[in-house]
């Protein structure tokens, strides 16, 4: 949606339409992004709602020429970071990890268990990375954003994104080599 359309959609009805469009276009991605940060479905839904509310309340502050998608992602990431810094999060015991969808009728039970095991190892090692590496990996591979979009969202240069992505992948690769070896007795 272009900024001109947003600015022309003043009033409650116009803002409500923008929020509906936002949910349709970005809701699932923001929910998945929030979940990747907080690892709790209910809290991710709360963050999605908080993000929508902020978009609704701050819509008129969006700069001319700014990309709506980047702006919304930045709001969602900031909401996630605020939660992760909060007392509530520090009291929350991390008992769940990111589970990737592995349901496939043609896979054997053994293969499904191996894939689930590997996904849990990947998620565990991913969340052990420093946030500056983890967030570029998540935004690039899970959200499929470009280096430029990630740079805009995180307020860093695309070359910094590329560097963090390279270093983060290397750290993740090294961690996975160690974890898989320990896990499978290699």
C-alpha atoms as a PDB file:
ATOM      1  CA  UNK A   1       0.000   0.000   0.000  1.00  0.00           C
ATOM      2  CA  UNK A   2       1.376   3.403  -0.964  1.00  0.00           C
ATOM      3  CA  UNK A   3       1.881   6.182   1.552  1.00  0.00           C
ATOM      4  CA  UNK A   4      -0.421   8.485  -0.467  1.00  0.00           C
ATOM      5  CA  UNK A   5      -3.274   6.017   0.030  1.00  0.00           C
ATOM      6  CA  UNK A   6      -2.484   5.819   3.738  1.00  0.00           C
ATOM      7  CA  UNK A   7      -2.408   9.592   4.188  1.00  0.00           C
ATOM      8  CA  UNK A   8      -5.705   9.899   2.262  1.00  0.00           C
ATOM      9  CA  UNK A   9      -7.314   7.235   4.465  1.00  0.00           C
ATOM     10  CA  UNK A  10      -7.656   9.431   7.501  1.00  0.00           C
ATOM     11  CA  UNK A  11     -10.506   8.678   9.808  1.00  0.00           C
ATOM     12  CA  UNK A  12     -11.564   5.568  11.623  1.00  0.00           C
ATOM     13  CA  UNK A  13     -12.985   3.739   8.604  1.00  0.00           C
ATOM     14  CA  UNK A  14      -9.818   4.329   6.576  1.00  0.00           C
ATOM     15  CA  UNK A  15      -7.561   3.179   9.398  1.00  0.00           C
ATOM     16  CA  UNK A  16      -9.695   0.074   9.956  1.00  0.00           C
ATOM     17  CA  UNK A  17      -9.341  -0.814   6.279  1.00  0.00           C
ATOM     18  CA  UNK A  18      -5.577  -0.393   6.527  1.00  0.00           C
ATOM     19  CA  UNK A  19      -5.455  -2.682   9.573  1.00  0.00           C
ATOM     20  CA  UNK A  20      -7.534  -5.322   7.731  1.00  0.00           C
ATOM     21  CA  UNK A  21      -5.216  -5.056   4.720  1.00  0.00           C
ATOM     22  CA  UNK A  22      -2.209  -5.236   7.034  1.00  0.00           C
ATOM     23  CA  UNK A  23      -3.520  -8.412   8.664  1.00  0.00           C
ATOM     24  CA  UNK A  24      -4.186  -9.997   5.293  1.00  0.00           C
ATOM     25  CA  UNK A  25      -0.795  -9.040   3.847  1.00  0.00           C
ATOM     26  CA  UNK A  26       1.535  -9.307   6.849  1.00  0.00           C
ATOM     27  CA  UNK A  27      -0.316 -10.912   9.762  1.00  0.00           C
ATOM     28  CA  UNK A  28       0.894 -14.478   9.298  1.00  0.00           C
ATOM     29  CA  UNK A  29       4.493 -13.390   8.666  1.00  0.00           C
ATOM     30  CA  UNK A  30       4.539 -11.096  11.709  1.00  0.00           C
ATOM     31  CA  UNK A  31       3.067 -13.878  13.848  1.00  0.00           C
ATOM     32  CA  UNK A  32       5.748 -16.294  12.643  1.00  0.00           C
ATOM     33  CA  UNK A  33       8.436 -13.654  13.205  1.00  0.00           C
ATOM     34  CA  UNK A  34       7.201 -12.930  16.730  1.00  0.00           C
ATOM     35  CA  UNK A  35       7.066 -16.643  17.499  1.00  0.00           C
ATOM     36  CA  UNK A  36      10.637 -17.062  16.310  1.00  0.00           C
ATOM     37  CA  UNK A  37      11.682 -14.459  18.884  1.00  0.00           C
ATOM     38  CA  UNK A  38       9.513 -15.380  21.876  1.00  0.00           C
ATOM     39  CA  UNK A  39       8.913 -19.115  21.256  1.00  0.00           C
ATOM     40  CA  UNK A  40       5.391 -18.928  22.666  1.00  0.00           C
ATOM     41  CA  UNK A  41       2.312 -18.932  20.420  1.00  0.00           C
ATOM     42  CA  UNK A  42       0.081 -16.974  22.792  1.00  0.00           C
ATOM     43  CA  UNK A  43       2.695 -14.272  23.366  1.00  0.00           C
ATOM     44  CA  UNK A  44       3.380 -14.098  19.611  1.00  0.00           C
ATOM     45  CA  UNK A  45      -0.335 -13.447  19.064  1.00  0.00           C
ATOM     46  CA  UNK A  46      -0.204 -10.721  21.723  1.00  0.00           C
ATOM     47  CA  UNK A  47       2.763  -9.128  19.962  1.00  0.00           C
ATOM     48  CA  UNK A  48       0.874  -9.257  16.656  1.00  0.00           C
ATOM     49  CA  UNK A  49      -2.030  -7.414  18.305  1.00  0.00           C
ATOM     50  CA  UNK A  50       0.311  -4.876  19.926  1.00  0.00           C
ATOM     51  CA  UNK A  51       1.966  -4.322  16.554  1.00  0.00           C
ATOM     52  CA  UNK A  52      -1.422  -3.752  14.892  1.00  0.00           C
ATOM     53  CA  UNK A  53      -2.398  -1.292  17.596  1.00  0.00           C
ATOM     54  CA  UNK A  54       0.855   0.622  17.197  1.00  0.00           C
ATOM     55  CA  UNK A  55       0.426   0.698  13.398  1.00  0.00           C
ATOM     56  CA  UNK A  56      -3.115   2.008  13.879  1.00  0.00           C
ATOM     57  CA  UNK A  57      -2.072   4.688  16.374  1.00  0.00           C
ATOM     58  CA  UNK A  58       1.131   5.748  14.613  1.00  0.00           C
ATOM     59  CA  UNK A  59       0.027   5.517  10.983  1.00  0.00           C
ATOM     60  CA  UNK A  60       0.202   9.267  10.491  1.00  0.00           C
ATOM     61  CA  UNK A  61       3.871   9.305  11.591  1.00  0.00           C
ATOM     62  CA  UNK A  62       5.027   7.133   8.682  1.00  0.00           C
ATOM     63  CA  UNK A  63       7.523   9.158   6.651  1.00  0.00           C
ATOM     64  CA  UNK A  64       6.843   9.991   3.018  1.00  0.00           C
ATOM     65  CA  UNK A  65       8.691   7.450   0.888  1.00  0.00           C
ATOM     66  CA  UNK A  66       9.073   4.931   3.738  1.00  0.00           C
ATOM     67  CA  UNK A  67       8.244   1.316   2.992  1.00  0.00           C
ATOM     68  CA  UNK A  68       5.196   0.168   4.930  1.00  0.00           C
ATOM     69  CA  UNK A  69       6.423  -3.440   5.113  1.00  0.00           C
ATOM     70  CA  UNK A  70       9.775  -2.451   6.635  1.00  0.00           C
ATOM     71  CA  UNK A  71       8.061  -0.093   9.066  1.00  0.00           C
ATOM     72  CA  UNK A  72       5.660  -2.800  10.264  1.00  0.00           C
ATOM     73  CA  UNK A  73       8.457  -5.369  10.636  1.00  0.00           C
ATOM     74  CA  UNK A  74      10.534  -2.868  12.618  1.00  0.00           C
ATOM     75  CA  UNK A  75       7.607  -2.258  14.979  1.00  0.00           C
ATOM     76  CA  UNK A  76       7.088  -6.014  15.439  1.00  0.00           C
ATOM     77  CA  UNK A  77      10.793  -6.658  16.091  1.00  0.00           C
ATOM     78  CA  UNK A  78      10.905  -3.831  18.626  1.00  0.00           C
ATOM     79  CA  UNK A  79       7.844  -5.285  20.384  1.00  0.00           C
ATOM     80  CA  UNK A  80       9.593  -8.678  20.500  1.00  0.00           C
ATOM     81  CA  UNK A  81      12.797  -7.158  21.867  1.00  0.00           C
ATOM     82  CA  UNK A  82      10.843  -5.217  24.488  1.00  0.00           C
ATOM     83  CA  UNK A  83       9.182  -8.442  25.600  1.00  0.00           C
ATOM     84  CA  UNK A  84      12.499 -10.298  25.723  1.00  0.00           C
ATOM     85  CA  UNK A  85      13.903  -7.562  27.984  1.00  0.00           C
ATOM     86  CA  UNK A  86      10.850  -7.567  30.236  1.00  0.00           C
ATOM     87  CA  UNK A  87      10.526  -8.992  33.718  1.00  0.00           C
ATOM     88  CA  UNK A  88       7.687 -11.187  32.468  1.00  0.00           C
ATOM     89  CA  UNK A  89       9.982 -12.919  30.000  1.00  0.00           C
ATOM     90  CA  UNK A  90      12.775 -13.401  32.515  1.00  0.00           C
ATOM     91  CA  UNK A  91      10.296 -15.237  34.746  1.00  0.00           C
ATOM     92  CA  UNK A  92       9.069 -17.375  31.872  1.00  0.00           C
ATOM     93  CA  UNK A  93      10.780 -20.789  31.670  1.00  0.00           C
ATOM     94  CA  UNK A  94      11.695 -21.682  28.110  1.00  0.00           C
ATOM     95  CA  UNK A  95      10.229 -25.152  27.741  1.00  0.00           C
ATOM     96  CA  UNK A  96       9.266 -25.073  24.099  1.00  0.00           C
ATOM     97  CA  UNK A  97      11.440 -24.584  21.049  1.00  0.00           C
ATOM     98  CA  UNK A  98      10.620 -23.760  17.489  1.00  0.00           C
ATOM     99  CA  UNK A  99       9.024 -26.786  15.819  1.00  0.00           C
ATOM    100  CA  UNK A 100       9.060 -26.822  12.066  1.00  0.00           C
ATOM    101  CA  UNK A 101       6.276 -28.479  10.174  1.00  0.00           C
ATOM    102  CA  UNK A 102       7.394 -31.972   9.223  1.00  0.00           C
ATOM    103  CA  UNK A 103       4.042 -33.605   8.540  1.00  0.00           C
ATOM    104  CA  UNK A 104       4.173 -35.655   5.360  1.00  0.00           C
ATOM    105  CA  UNK A 105       2.183 -38.835   4.781  1.00  0.00           C
ATOM    106  CA  UNK A 106       4.901 -40.566   2.740  1.00  0.00           C
ATOM    107  CA  UNK A 107       7.591 -40.243   5.428  1.00  0.00           C
ATOM    108  CA  UNK A 108       8.190 -43.108   7.780  1.00  0.00           C
ATOM    109  CA  UNK A 109       7.832 -42.659  11.520  1.00  0.00           C
ATOM    110  CA  UNK A 110      11.593 -43.088  11.920  1.00  0.00           C
ATOM    111  CA  UNK A 111      12.346 -40.416   9.316  1.00  0.00           C
ATOM    112  CA  UNK A 112       9.853 -38.035  10.945  1.00  0.00           C
ATOM    113  CA  UNK A 113      11.556 -38.536  14.310  1.00  0.00           C
ATOM    114  CA  UNK A 114      15.018 -37.924  12.831  1.00  0.00           C
ATOM    115  CA  UNK A 115      13.811 -34.762  11.066  1.00  0.00           C
ATOM    116  CA  UNK A 116      12.082 -33.555  14.237  1.00  0.00           C
ATOM    117  CA  UNK A 117      15.266 -34.222  16.196  1.00  0.00           C
ATOM    118  CA  UNK A 118      17.380 -32.319  13.668  1.00  0.00           C
ATOM    119  CA  UNK A 119      14.923 -29.403  13.615  1.00  0.00           C
ATOM    120  CA  UNK A 120      15.036 -29.186  17.403  1.00  0.00           C
ATOM    121  CA  UNK A 121      18.843 -29.161  17.329  1.00  0.00           C
ATOM    122  CA  UNK A 122      18.790 -26.443  14.651  1.00  0.00           C
ATOM    123  CA  UNK A 123      16.299 -24.341  16.622  1.00  0.00           C
ATOM    124  CA  UNK A 124      18.262 -24.775  19.853  1.00  0.00           C
ATOM    125  CA  UNK A 125      21.528 -23.728  18.239  1.00  0.00           C
ATOM    126  CA  UNK A 126      19.876 -20.860  16.370  1.00  0.00           C
ATOM    127  CA  UNK A 127      18.530 -19.417  19.622  1.00  0.00           C
ATOM    128  CA  UNK A 128      21.926 -19.736  21.277  1.00  0.00           C
ATOM    129  CA  UNK A 129      23.377 -17.245  18.776  1.00  0.00           C
ATOM    130  CA  UNK A 130      23.664 -13.594  19.763  1.00  0.00           C
ATOM    131  CA  UNK A 131      20.523 -11.742  18.728  1.00  0.00           C
ATOM    132  CA  UNK A 132      22.331  -9.678  16.080  1.00  0.00           C
ATOM    133  CA  UNK A 133      23.183 -12.880  14.187  1.00  0.00           C
ATOM    134  CA  UNK A 134      19.968 -14.736  14.980  1.00  0.00           C
ATOM    135  CA  UNK A 135      17.678 -11.954  13.774  1.00  0.00           C
ATOM    136  CA  UNK A 136      19.352 -11.567  10.356  1.00  0.00           C
ATOM    137  CA  UNK A 137      19.227 -15.351   9.852  1.00  0.00           C
ATOM    138  CA  UNK A 138      15.545 -15.461  10.802  1.00  0.00           C
ATOM    139  CA  UNK A 139      14.631 -12.465   8.664  1.00  0.00           C
ATOM    140  CA  UNK A 140      16.585 -13.753   5.667  1.00  0.00           C
ATOM    141  CA  UNK A 141      15.771 -17.470   5.708  1.00  0.00           C
ATOM    142  CA  UNK A 142      12.418 -17.686   7.492  1.00  0.00           C
ATOM    143  CA  UNK A 143      10.877 -14.380   6.401  1.00  0.00           C
ATOM    144  CA  UNK A 144      12.687 -14.355   3.028  1.00  0.00           C
ATOM    145  CA  UNK A 145      13.561 -10.668   3.210  1.00  0.00           C
ATOM    146  CA  UNK A 146      16.302  -9.106   1.114  1.00  0.00           C
ATOM    147  CA  UNK A 147      19.485  -7.681   2.622  1.00  0.00           C
ATOM    148  CA  UNK A 148      18.171  -4.173   1.910  1.00  0.00           C
ATOM    149  CA  UNK A 149      14.844  -4.858   3.639  1.00  0.00           C
ATOM    150  CA  UNK A 150      16.613  -6.340   6.655  1.00  0.00           C
ATOM    151  CA  UNK A 151      18.941  -3.334   6.779  1.00  0.00           C
ATOM    152  CA  UNK A 152      15.977  -0.977   6.759  1.00  0.00           C
ATOM    153  CA  UNK A 153      14.166  -2.934   9.472  1.00  0.00           C
ATOM    154  CA  UNK A 154      17.208  -3.125  11.744  1.00  0.00           C
ATOM    155  CA  UNK A 155      18.520   0.347  10.850  1.00  0.00           C
ATOM    156  CA  UNK A 156      21.871  -0.994   9.632  1.00  0.00           C
ATOM    157  CA  UNK A 157      23.632  -0.983   6.276  1.00  0.00           C
ATOM    158  CA  UNK A 158      23.005  -3.884   3.862  1.00  0.00           C
ATOM    159  CA  UNK A 159      26.751  -4.626   3.969  1.00  0.00           C
ATOM    160  CA  UNK A 160      26.482  -5.047   7.750  1.00  0.00           C
ATOM    161  CA  UNK A 161      23.517  -7.382   7.217  1.00  0.00           C
ATOM    162  CA  UNK A 162      25.570  -9.411   4.740  1.00  0.00           C
ATOM    163  CA  UNK A 163      28.491  -9.588   7.170  1.00  0.00           C
ATOM    164  CA  UNK A 164      26.284 -10.638  10.094  1.00  0.00           C
ATOM    165  CA  UNK A 165      24.545 -13.205   7.915  1.00  0.00           C
ATOM    166  CA  UNK A 166      27.874 -14.690   6.829  1.00  0.00           C
ATOM    167  CA  UNK A 167      29.290 -14.785  10.349  1.00  0.00           C
ATOM    168  CA  UNK A 168      26.003 -16.052  11.836  1.00  0.00           C
ATOM    169  CA  UNK A 169      25.855 -18.917   9.326  1.00  0.00           C
ATOM    170  CA  UNK A 170      29.433 -19.852  10.187  1.00  0.00           C
ATOM    171  CA  UNK A 171      28.674 -19.811  13.921  1.00  0.00           C
ATOM    172  CA  UNK A 172      25.539 -21.877  13.342  1.00  0.00           C
ATOM    173  CA  UNK A 173      27.404 -24.361  11.151  1.00  0.00           C
ATOM    174  CA  UNK A 174      30.116 -24.829  13.782  1.00  0.00           C
ATOM    175  CA  UNK A 175      27.544 -25.207  16.554  1.00  0.00           C
ATOM    176  CA  UNK A 176      25.527 -27.718  14.543  1.00  0.00           C
ATOM    177  CA  UNK A 177      28.578 -29.815  13.751  1.00  0.00           C
ATOM    178  CA  UNK A 178      29.290 -30.068  17.474  1.00  0.00           C
ATOM    179  CA  UNK A 179      25.668 -30.644  18.518  1.00  0.00           C
ATOM    180  CA  UNK A 180      24.871 -33.291  15.936  1.00  0.00           C
ATOM    181  CA  UNK A 181      28.069 -35.158  16.797  1.00  0.00           C
ATOM    182  CA  UNK A 182      27.264 -35.107  20.518  1.00  0.00           C
ATOM    183  CA  UNK A 183      23.604 -35.937  19.950  1.00  0.00           C
ATOM    184  CA  UNK A 184      24.212 -38.916  17.697  1.00  0.00           C
ATOM    185  CA  UNK A 185      27.372 -40.100  19.480  1.00  0.00           C
ATOM    186  CA  UNK A 186      29.768 -39.159  16.685  1.00  0.00           C
END
